[in-house]
């Protein structure tokens, strides 16, 4: 079984904190070998002051054991380029990434999602992916909302096939699905 992990949950469910704990265990294990910084791939964009404050708070929460790459679109390329250079890659959050792609380049969304699945599969470093589970709510009332939900669901299914572990987090409690 591979060491890639998908962590799903609702908004503010504790999924990011849980994923960070999993990732920090890889960093701690690798500290003896001299390679101690994990790679955090942030897909959020600081488009307003409130989001800038959230991003900074998350950066401080992670601490010095992390190198942060802010990449709203080219996540597969970051994983491919950096997979041999760090003990773990943590990507947070895939639903923001899908949203970014829908707004930036909707015509290549399928290609980018396939690219992410392939990049994770080929990664030498463990990859931990965080995403919001969007299939538990109402059917969105707009076409773009339904397209977003459908693509996020398809991405989660494809990643769950290539990840050795899948967790669902609710109220800070992880449930192992795979």
N, C-alpha and C. Protein backbone atom coordinates (compact mmCIF):
# COMPACT_ATOMS: atom_id res chain seq x y z
N UNK A 1 0.84 -1.18 0.00
CA UNK A 1 0.00 0.00 0.00
C UNK A 1 0.89 1.24 0.00
N UNK A 2 0.52 2.26 -0.82
CA UNK A 2 1.33 3.47 -0.89
C UNK A 2 1.03 4.40 0.27
N UNK A 3 1.84 5.43 0.39
CA UNK A 3 1.73 6.34 1.53
C UNK A 3 0.98 7.62 1.21
N UNK A 4 0.30 7.69 0.08
CA UNK A 4 -0.49 8.87 -0.26
C UNK A 4 -1.81 8.83 0.49
N UNK A 5 -2.30 10.01 0.89
CA UNK A 5 -3.48 10.08 1.74
C UNK A 5 -4.41 11.19 1.25
N UNK A 6 -5.69 10.90 1.20
CA UNK A 6 -6.73 11.88 0.91
C UNK A 6 -7.51 12.11 2.19
N UNK A 7 -7.64 13.38 2.59
CA UNK A 7 -8.39 13.74 3.80
C UNK A 7 -9.56 14.62 3.38
N UNK A 8 -10.76 14.09 3.56
CA UNK A 8 -11.99 14.80 3.20
C UNK A 8 -12.74 15.22 4.45
N UNK A 9 -13.58 16.23 4.29
CA UNK A 9 -14.44 16.66 5.39
C UNK A 9 -15.16 17.93 5.01
N UNK A 10 -16.05 18.37 5.86
CA UNK A 10 -16.77 19.62 5.64
C UNK A 10 -15.92 20.82 6.02
N UNK A 11 -16.46 21.98 5.77
CA UNK A 11 -15.78 23.22 6.15
C UNK A 11 -15.63 23.26 7.67
N UNK A 12 -14.45 23.62 8.12
CA UNK A 12 -14.13 23.74 9.55
C UNK A 12 -14.34 22.44 10.31
N UNK A 13 -14.12 21.31 9.64
CA UNK A 13 -14.32 20.00 10.27
C UNK A 13 -13.09 19.52 11.04
N UNK A 14 -11.94 20.17 10.82
CA UNK A 14 -10.70 19.71 11.43
C UNK A 14 -9.84 18.92 10.46
N UNK A 15 -10.21 18.87 9.19
CA UNK A 15 -9.47 18.07 8.21
C UNK A 15 -8.06 18.59 7.99
N UNK A 16 -7.88 19.91 7.94
CA UNK A 16 -6.54 20.46 7.72
C UNK A 16 -5.63 20.18 8.90
N UNK A 17 -6.15 20.34 10.10
CA UNK A 17 -5.35 20.05 11.29
C UNK A 17 -4.97 18.57 11.34
N UNK A 18 -5.91 17.71 10.98
CA UNK A 18 -5.62 16.28 10.97
C UNK A 18 -4.54 15.96 9.93
N UNK A 19 -4.68 16.52 8.74
CA UNK A 19 -3.68 16.30 7.68
C UNK A 19 -2.31 16.82 8.09
N UNK A 20 -2.28 17.96 8.74
CA UNK A 20 -1.01 18.53 9.21
C UNK A 20 -0.35 17.60 10.23
N UNK A 21 -1.13 17.01 11.10
CA UNK A 21 -0.59 16.05 12.07
C UNK A 21 0.02 14.84 11.38
N UNK A 22 -0.69 14.32 10.37
CA UNK A 22 -0.14 13.19 9.60
C UNK A 22 1.18 13.58 8.94
N UNK A 23 1.20 14.76 8.33
CA UNK A 23 2.38 15.21 7.61
C UNK A 23 3.55 15.48 8.55
N UNK A 24 3.27 16.06 9.71
CA UNK A 24 4.34 16.34 10.67
C UNK A 24 5.03 15.05 11.13
N UNK A 25 4.32 13.95 11.16
CA UNK A 25 4.94 12.67 11.53
C UNK A 25 6.01 12.28 10.51
N UNK A 26 5.79 12.55 9.23
CA UNK A 26 6.81 12.28 8.21
C UNK A 26 8.01 13.18 8.40
N UNK A 27 7.77 14.43 8.74
CA UNK A 27 8.88 15.38 8.94
C UNK A 27 9.70 14.96 10.14
N UNK A 28 9.03 14.60 11.24
CA UNK A 28 9.74 14.17 12.44
C UNK A 28 10.58 12.94 12.15
N UNK A 29 10.01 11.99 11.40
CA UNK A 29 10.73 10.76 11.06
C UNK A 29 11.96 11.06 10.21
N UNK A 30 11.87 12.05 9.37
CA UNK A 30 12.95 12.36 8.44
C UNK A 30 14.00 13.30 9.03
N UNK A 31 13.74 13.87 10.21
CA UNK A 31 14.66 14.82 10.81
C UNK A 31 16.05 14.22 11.01
N UNK A 32 16.10 12.94 11.35
CA UNK A 32 17.40 12.29 11.57
C UNK A 32 18.24 12.24 10.29
N UNK A 33 17.60 12.21 9.12
CA UNK A 33 18.34 12.13 7.86
C UNK A 33 18.79 13.50 7.36
N UNK A 34 18.37 14.56 8.05
CA UNK A 34 18.78 15.90 7.65
C UNK A 34 17.82 16.59 6.69
N UNK A 35 16.81 15.89 6.20
CA UNK A 35 15.80 16.50 5.33
C UNK A 35 14.56 16.68 6.18
N UNK A 36 14.36 17.90 6.67
CA UNK A 36 13.30 18.04 7.66
C UNK A 36 12.15 18.95 7.24
N UNK A 37 12.23 19.67 6.13
CA UNK A 37 11.15 20.57 5.76
C UNK A 37 10.17 19.89 4.81
N UNK A 38 8.91 19.92 5.19
CA UNK A 38 7.87 19.44 4.31
C UNK A 38 7.49 20.53 3.32
N UNK A 39 6.81 20.15 2.26
CA UNK A 39 6.35 21.12 1.27
C UNK A 39 4.85 21.27 1.41
N UNK A 40 4.42 22.48 1.68
CA UNK A 40 3.00 22.80 1.81
C UNK A 40 2.59 23.54 0.55
N UNK A 41 1.65 22.98 -0.21
CA UNK A 41 1.16 23.60 -1.43
C UNK A 41 -0.20 24.21 -1.11
N UNK A 42 -0.23 25.54 -1.09
CA UNK A 42 -1.44 26.29 -0.76
C UNK A 42 -2.14 26.72 -2.04
N UNK A 43 -3.40 26.38 -2.17
CA UNK A 43 -4.15 26.74 -3.37
C UNK A 43 -4.98 28.01 -3.19
N UNK A 44 -5.10 28.49 -1.95
CA UNK A 44 -5.88 29.69 -1.69
C UNK A 44 -5.17 30.92 -2.23
N UNK A 45 -5.94 31.90 -2.63
CA UNK A 45 -5.40 33.16 -3.10
C UNK A 45 -5.83 34.26 -2.15
N UNK A 46 -4.90 35.12 -1.80
CA UNK A 46 -5.17 36.23 -0.88
C UNK A 46 -5.81 37.38 -1.66
N UNK A 47 -7.09 37.24 -1.96
CA UNK A 47 -7.77 38.25 -2.78
C UNK A 47 -8.37 39.38 -1.95
N UNK A 48 -8.39 39.22 -0.62
CA UNK A 48 -8.87 40.30 0.25
C UNK A 48 -8.14 40.22 1.59
N UNK A 49 -8.34 41.21 2.41
CA UNK A 49 -7.62 41.31 3.69
C UNK A 49 -7.95 40.14 4.62
N UNK A 50 -9.20 39.75 4.68
CA UNK A 50 -9.59 38.64 5.55
C UNK A 50 -8.87 37.35 5.15
N UNK A 51 -8.77 37.10 3.84
CA UNK A 51 -8.08 35.89 3.37
C UNK A 51 -6.58 36.00 3.63
N UNK A 52 -6.01 37.17 3.48
CA UNK A 52 -4.58 37.35 3.81
C UNK A 52 -4.31 36.98 5.27
N UNK A 53 -5.21 37.40 6.15
CA UNK A 53 -5.05 37.09 7.58
C UNK A 53 -5.18 35.59 7.84
N UNK A 54 -6.12 34.93 7.17
CA UNK A 54 -6.27 33.47 7.31
C UNK A 54 -5.01 32.74 6.85
N UNK A 55 -4.50 33.16 5.71
CA UNK A 55 -3.30 32.51 5.16
C UNK A 55 -2.13 32.68 6.11
N UNK A 56 -1.95 33.88 6.65
CA UNK A 56 -0.85 34.13 7.58
C UNK A 56 -1.02 33.31 8.87
N UNK A 57 -2.24 33.21 9.37
CA UNK A 57 -2.49 32.41 10.58
C UNK A 57 -2.14 30.94 10.33
N UNK A 58 -2.52 30.42 9.17
CA UNK A 58 -2.20 29.02 8.85
C UNK A 58 -0.69 28.83 8.71
N UNK A 59 0.00 29.81 8.14
CA UNK A 59 1.45 29.72 7.99
C UNK A 59 2.12 29.66 9.36
N UNK A 60 1.67 30.50 10.29
CA UNK A 60 2.23 30.50 11.65
C UNK A 60 1.91 29.19 12.37
N UNK A 61 0.73 28.66 12.13
CA UNK A 61 0.32 27.39 12.75
C UNK A 61 1.22 26.24 12.32
N UNK A 62 1.62 26.24 11.05
CA UNK A 62 2.49 25.17 10.54
C UNK A 62 3.88 25.24 11.14
N UNK A 63 4.39 26.42 11.38
CA UNK A 63 5.71 26.56 11.97
C UNK A 63 6.84 26.49 10.96
N UNK A 64 8.05 26.37 11.46
CA UNK A 64 9.27 26.43 10.64
C UNK A 64 9.58 25.15 9.88
N UNK A 65 8.87 24.09 10.13
CA UNK A 65 9.16 22.82 9.47
C UNK A 65 8.61 22.72 8.06
N UNK A 66 8.13 23.83 7.54
CA UNK A 66 7.46 23.81 6.25
C UNK A 66 7.96 24.87 5.30
N UNK A 67 8.12 24.48 4.05
CA UNK A 67 8.30 25.43 2.96
C UNK A 67 6.93 25.56 2.29
N UNK A 68 6.48 26.77 2.08
CA UNK A 68 5.16 26.99 1.48
C UNK A 68 5.30 27.46 0.04
N UNK A 69 4.55 26.82 -0.84
CA UNK A 69 4.43 27.25 -2.23
C UNK A 69 2.97 27.60 -2.44
N UNK A 70 2.72 28.84 -2.83
CA UNK A 70 1.35 29.26 -3.13
C UNK A 70 1.12 29.06 -4.62
N UNK A 71 0.27 28.10 -4.94
CA UNK A 71 0.02 27.76 -6.35
C UNK A 71 -1.47 27.48 -6.55
N UNK A 72 -2.20 28.43 -7.13
CA UNK A 72 -3.64 28.25 -7.30
C UNK A 72 -4.05 27.34 -8.46
N UNK A 73 -3.16 27.06 -9.42
CA UNK A 73 -3.55 26.32 -10.62
C UNK A 73 -2.62 25.15 -10.94
N UNK A 74 -1.32 25.34 -10.92
CA UNK A 74 -0.36 24.34 -11.39
C UNK A 74 0.12 23.37 -10.31
N UNK A 75 -0.82 22.87 -9.53
CA UNK A 75 -0.49 21.94 -8.44
C UNK A 75 0.18 20.66 -8.95
N UNK A 76 -0.30 20.05 -10.05
CA UNK A 76 0.38 18.84 -10.52
C UNK A 76 1.85 19.07 -10.85
N UNK A 77 2.18 20.21 -11.43
CA UNK A 77 3.57 20.52 -11.78
C UNK A 77 4.43 20.66 -10.52
N UNK A 78 3.88 21.27 -9.48
CA UNK A 78 4.63 21.42 -8.22
C UNK A 78 4.93 20.04 -7.64
N UNK A 79 3.95 19.16 -7.63
CA UNK A 79 4.17 17.81 -7.09
C UNK A 79 5.21 17.07 -7.91
N UNK A 80 5.10 17.14 -9.23
CA UNK A 80 6.08 16.46 -10.10
C UNK A 80 7.49 17.01 -9.89
N UNK A 81 7.61 18.32 -9.79
CA UNK A 81 8.93 18.96 -9.69
C UNK A 81 9.59 18.78 -8.33
N UNK A 82 8.79 18.62 -7.27
CA UNK A 82 9.36 18.63 -5.92
C UNK A 82 9.28 17.30 -5.18
N UNK A 83 8.74 16.26 -5.79
CA UNK A 83 8.46 15.03 -5.06
C UNK A 83 9.70 14.33 -4.52
N UNK A 84 10.86 14.53 -5.11
CA UNK A 84 12.06 13.87 -4.61
C UNK A 84 12.86 14.72 -3.64
N UNK A 85 12.39 15.94 -3.38
CA UNK A 85 13.20 16.88 -2.60
C UNK A 85 12.69 17.15 -1.19
N UNK A 86 11.67 16.42 -0.74
CA UNK A 86 11.12 16.69 0.58
C UNK A 86 10.52 15.40 1.16
N UNK A 87 10.38 15.34 2.47
CA UNK A 87 9.86 14.12 3.08
C UNK A 87 8.35 13.93 2.91
N UNK A 88 7.61 15.01 2.63
CA UNK A 88 6.16 14.93 2.48
C UNK A 88 5.67 16.18 1.75
N UNK A 89 4.60 15.99 0.99
CA UNK A 89 3.93 17.12 0.32
C UNK A 89 2.50 17.16 0.83
N UNK A 90 2.09 18.32 1.33
CA UNK A 90 0.73 18.52 1.82
C UNK A 90 0.05 19.55 0.92
N UNK A 91 -1.04 19.17 0.29
CA UNK A 91 -1.79 20.07 -0.60
C UNK A 91 -3.11 20.42 0.08
N UNK A 92 -3.34 21.70 0.27
CA UNK A 92 -4.55 22.17 0.94
C UNK A 92 -5.02 23.43 0.22
N UNK A 93 -6.06 23.41 -0.47
CA UNK A 93 -7.21 22.54 -0.49
C UNK A 93 -7.61 22.29 -1.94
N UNK A 94 -8.00 21.07 -2.25
CA UNK A 94 -8.35 20.70 -3.62
C UNK A 94 -9.65 21.33 -4.11
N UNK A 95 -10.59 21.57 -3.23
CA UNK A 95 -11.82 22.21 -3.69
C UNK A 95 -11.56 23.65 -4.11
N UNK A 96 -10.67 24.34 -3.42
CA UNK A 96 -10.26 25.67 -3.88
C UNK A 96 -9.55 25.57 -5.23
N UNK A 97 -8.74 24.54 -5.38
CA UNK A 97 -8.03 24.33 -6.65
C UNK A 97 -9.01 24.12 -7.80
N UNK A 98 -10.03 23.27 -7.60
CA UNK A 98 -11.03 23.05 -8.64
C UNK A 98 -11.74 24.36 -8.96
N UNK A 99 -12.07 25.12 -7.95
CA UNK A 99 -12.71 26.42 -8.16
C UNK A 99 -11.81 27.36 -8.95
N UNK A 100 -10.53 27.40 -8.58
CA UNK A 100 -9.57 28.23 -9.31
C UNK A 100 -9.50 27.83 -10.78
N UNK A 101 -9.48 26.52 -11.03
CA UNK A 101 -9.43 26.03 -12.41
C UNK A 101 -10.69 26.38 -13.19
N UNK A 102 -11.84 26.26 -12.55
CA UNK A 102 -13.10 26.60 -13.22
C UNK A 102 -13.12 28.06 -13.66
N UNK A 103 -12.48 28.92 -12.87
CA UNK A 103 -12.47 30.34 -13.20
C UNK A 103 -11.32 30.70 -14.15
N UNK A 104 -10.19 30.02 -14.02
CA UNK A 104 -9.01 30.37 -14.83
C UNK A 104 -8.99 29.69 -16.18
N UNK A 105 -9.27 28.40 -16.20
CA UNK A 105 -9.15 27.65 -17.45
C UNK A 105 -10.11 26.45 -17.47
N UNK A 106 -11.41 26.73 -17.56
CA UNK A 106 -12.39 25.63 -17.49
C UNK A 106 -12.26 24.63 -18.63
N UNK A 107 -11.70 25.04 -19.75
CA UNK A 107 -11.57 24.13 -20.89
C UNK A 107 -10.53 23.04 -20.68
N UNK A 108 -9.62 23.22 -19.71
CA UNK A 108 -8.60 22.19 -19.46
C UNK A 108 -8.74 21.58 -18.06
N UNK A 109 -9.92 21.73 -17.46
CA UNK A 109 -10.15 21.20 -16.12
C UNK A 109 -9.90 19.69 -16.06
N UNK A 110 -10.48 18.93 -17.00
CA UNK A 110 -10.28 17.48 -17.00
C UNK A 110 -8.81 17.11 -17.13
N UNK A 111 -8.09 17.81 -17.99
CA UNK A 111 -6.67 17.55 -18.19
C UNK A 111 -5.88 17.82 -16.91
N UNK A 112 -6.19 18.91 -16.22
CA UNK A 112 -5.49 19.24 -14.98
C UNK A 112 -5.81 18.23 -13.88
N UNK A 113 -7.06 17.81 -13.79
CA UNK A 113 -7.42 16.83 -12.76
C UNK A 113 -6.73 15.50 -13.04
N UNK A 114 -6.71 15.06 -14.30
CA UNK A 114 -5.97 13.84 -14.64
C UNK A 114 -4.49 14.00 -14.32
N UNK A 115 -3.95 15.17 -14.60
CA UNK A 115 -2.54 15.45 -14.29
C UNK A 115 -2.24 15.35 -12.81
N UNK A 116 -3.18 15.80 -11.98
CA UNK A 116 -2.99 15.70 -10.53
C UNK A 116 -2.96 14.23 -10.10
N UNK A 117 -3.89 13.46 -10.59
CA UNK A 117 -3.94 12.03 -10.22
C UNK A 117 -2.64 11.34 -10.63
N UNK A 118 -2.14 11.64 -11.83
CA UNK A 118 -0.87 11.04 -12.28
C UNK A 118 0.32 11.52 -11.46
N UNK A 119 0.34 12.82 -11.12
CA UNK A 119 1.45 13.36 -10.32
C UNK A 119 1.48 12.72 -8.93
N UNK A 120 0.32 12.55 -8.32
CA UNK A 120 0.27 11.90 -7.01
C UNK A 120 0.73 10.45 -7.13
N UNK A 121 0.24 9.74 -8.13
CA UNK A 121 0.62 8.34 -8.32
C UNK A 121 2.12 8.16 -8.48
N UNK A 122 2.77 9.10 -9.17
CA UNK A 122 4.19 8.99 -9.48
C UNK A 122 5.09 9.60 -8.42
N UNK A 123 4.53 10.29 -7.44
CA UNK A 123 5.35 11.00 -6.46
C UNK A 123 6.19 10.06 -5.62
N UNK A 124 7.46 10.41 -5.45
CA UNK A 124 8.37 9.65 -4.58
C UNK A 124 8.10 9.97 -3.12
N UNK A 125 7.65 11.19 -2.87
CA UNK A 125 7.32 11.59 -1.50
C UNK A 125 5.86 11.28 -1.22
N UNK A 126 5.52 10.98 0.03
CA UNK A 126 4.11 10.84 0.37
C UNK A 126 3.38 12.15 0.09
N UNK A 127 2.19 12.08 -0.48
CA UNK A 127 1.37 13.26 -0.74
C UNK A 127 0.11 13.13 0.10
N UNK A 128 -0.19 14.20 0.84
CA UNK A 128 -1.41 14.27 1.64
C UNK A 128 -2.25 15.39 1.04
N UNK A 129 -3.46 15.04 0.64
CA UNK A 129 -4.36 15.96 -0.05
C UNK A 129 -5.57 16.26 0.81
N UNK A 130 -5.91 17.53 0.94
CA UNK A 130 -7.05 17.95 1.76
C UNK A 130 -8.12 18.51 0.84
N UNK A 131 -9.37 18.12 1.07
CA UNK A 131 -10.45 18.62 0.23
C UNK A 131 -11.77 18.59 0.99
N UNK A 132 -12.67 19.48 0.60
CA UNK A 132 -14.02 19.50 1.16
C UNK A 132 -14.87 18.46 0.46
N UNK A 133 -15.56 17.66 1.23
CA UNK A 133 -16.53 16.74 0.64
C UNK A 133 -17.77 17.57 0.30
N UNK A 134 -18.10 17.62 -0.97
CA UNK A 134 -19.20 18.49 -1.42
C UNK A 134 -20.44 17.72 -1.82
N UNK A 135 -20.43 16.43 -1.69
CA UNK A 135 -21.55 15.62 -2.14
C UNK A 135 -22.61 15.33 -1.10
N UNK A 136 -22.52 15.93 0.06
CA UNK A 136 -23.48 15.63 1.13
C UNK A 136 -24.59 16.67 1.24
N UNK A 137 -24.49 17.73 0.45
CA UNK A 137 -25.48 18.81 0.56
C UNK A 137 -26.50 18.78 -0.56
N UNK A 138 -27.16 19.87 -0.72
CA UNK A 138 -28.18 20.03 -1.75
C UNK A 138 -27.53 20.13 -3.12
N UNK A 139 -28.31 19.82 -4.15
CA UNK A 139 -27.84 20.01 -5.52
C UNK A 139 -27.77 21.52 -5.77
N UNK A 140 -26.61 22.03 -6.20
CA UNK A 140 -26.49 23.47 -6.45
C UNK A 140 -27.52 23.94 -7.48
N UNK A 141 -27.98 25.19 -7.32
CA UNK A 141 -29.02 25.69 -8.21
C UNK A 141 -28.49 26.42 -9.45
N UNK A 142 -27.16 26.45 -9.60
CA UNK A 142 -26.57 27.07 -10.79
C UNK A 142 -25.76 26.04 -11.56
N UNK A 143 -25.61 26.28 -12.85
CA UNK A 143 -24.84 25.35 -13.69
C UNK A 143 -23.39 25.27 -13.24
N UNK A 144 -22.77 26.41 -12.90
CA UNK A 144 -21.36 26.37 -12.48
C UNK A 144 -21.23 25.68 -11.13
N UNK A 145 -22.23 25.84 -10.25
CA UNK A 145 -22.21 25.15 -8.96
C UNK A 145 -22.29 23.64 -9.14
N UNK A 146 -23.16 23.21 -10.06
CA UNK A 146 -23.26 21.77 -10.33
C UNK A 146 -21.99 21.25 -10.99
N UNK A 147 -21.40 22.04 -11.88
CA UNK A 147 -20.15 21.61 -12.53
C UNK A 147 -19.03 21.48 -11.49
N UNK A 148 -18.97 22.45 -10.58
CA UNK A 148 -17.97 22.39 -9.51
C UNK A 148 -18.16 21.13 -8.67
N UNK A 149 -19.37 20.90 -8.19
CA UNK A 149 -19.67 19.74 -7.35
C UNK A 149 -19.35 18.44 -8.06
N UNK A 150 -19.76 18.34 -9.33
CA UNK A 150 -19.52 17.12 -10.10
C UNK A 150 -18.03 16.86 -10.29
N UNK A 151 -17.26 17.90 -10.61
CA UNK A 151 -15.82 17.73 -10.82
C UNK A 151 -15.09 17.43 -9.52
N UNK A 152 -15.48 18.08 -8.44
CA UNK A 152 -14.86 17.77 -7.14
C UNK A 152 -15.12 16.31 -6.78
N UNK A 153 -16.33 15.85 -6.98
CA UNK A 153 -16.66 14.45 -6.69
C UNK A 153 -15.87 13.47 -7.54
N UNK A 154 -15.76 13.77 -8.84
CA UNK A 154 -14.98 12.89 -9.73
C UNK A 154 -13.52 12.88 -9.31
N UNK A 155 -12.97 14.04 -8.94
CA UNK A 155 -11.57 14.12 -8.50
C UNK A 155 -11.37 13.30 -7.24
N UNK A 156 -12.27 13.43 -6.28
CA UNK A 156 -12.15 12.66 -5.03
C UNK A 156 -12.16 11.16 -5.30
N UNK A 157 -13.04 10.71 -6.18
CA UNK A 157 -13.10 9.29 -6.51
C UNK A 157 -11.81 8.81 -7.16
N UNK A 158 -11.28 9.60 -8.10
CA UNK A 158 -10.04 9.20 -8.79
C UNK A 158 -8.88 9.17 -7.81
N UNK A 159 -8.79 10.16 -6.92
CA UNK A 159 -7.70 10.19 -5.95
C UNK A 159 -7.84 9.07 -4.93
N UNK A 160 -9.06 8.73 -4.55
CA UNK A 160 -9.23 7.65 -3.57
C UNK A 160 -8.75 6.31 -4.13
N UNK A 161 -8.75 6.19 -5.45
CA UNK A 161 -8.24 4.95 -6.06
C UNK A 161 -6.72 4.88 -6.03
N UNK A 162 -6.03 6.02 -6.03
CA UNK A 162 -4.55 5.99 -6.07
C UNK A 162 -3.92 6.27 -4.71
N UNK A 163 -4.72 6.64 -3.72
CA UNK A 163 -4.19 6.89 -2.38
C UNK A 163 -4.33 5.63 -1.53
N UNK A 164 -3.31 5.36 -0.76
CA UNK A 164 -3.33 4.20 0.12
C UNK A 164 -4.26 4.37 1.31
N UNK A 165 -4.50 5.63 1.71
CA UNK A 165 -5.39 5.92 2.84
C UNK A 165 -6.33 7.04 2.46
N UNK A 166 -7.57 6.91 2.93
CA UNK A 166 -8.57 7.97 2.76
C UNK A 166 -9.27 8.12 4.10
N UNK A 167 -9.38 9.38 4.56
CA UNK A 167 -10.05 9.68 5.83
C UNK A 167 -11.17 10.68 5.59
N UNK A 168 -12.22 10.57 6.38
CA UNK A 168 -13.28 11.57 6.44
C UNK A 168 -13.24 12.14 7.84
N UNK A 169 -13.15 13.46 7.96
CA UNK A 169 -13.05 14.11 9.27
C UNK A 169 -14.33 14.90 9.53
N UNK A 170 -14.89 14.67 10.72
CA UNK A 170 -16.08 15.39 11.15
C UNK A 170 -15.89 15.75 12.62
N UNK A 171 -16.13 17.00 12.95
CA UNK A 171 -16.00 17.47 14.34
C UNK A 171 -14.62 17.15 14.91
N UNK A 172 -13.61 17.19 14.02
CA UNK A 172 -12.24 16.93 14.45
C UNK A 172 -11.90 15.46 14.61
N UNK A 173 -12.85 14.59 14.31
CA UNK A 173 -12.63 13.15 14.49
C UNK A 173 -12.46 12.47 13.13
N UNK A 174 -11.32 11.81 12.92
CA UNK A 174 -11.10 11.14 11.64
C UNK A 174 -11.73 9.75 11.59
N UNK A 175 -12.33 9.46 10.47
CA UNK A 175 -12.88 8.14 10.21
C UNK A 175 -12.13 7.57 9.01
N UNK A 176 -11.46 6.45 9.21
CA UNK A 176 -10.72 5.83 8.10
C UNK A 176 -11.71 5.15 7.16
N UNK A 177 -11.67 5.58 5.90
CA UNK A 177 -12.51 4.97 4.86
C UNK A 177 -11.74 3.91 4.10
N UNK A 178 -10.46 4.07 4.00
CA UNK A 178 -9.58 3.14 3.28
C UNK A 178 -8.22 3.18 3.93
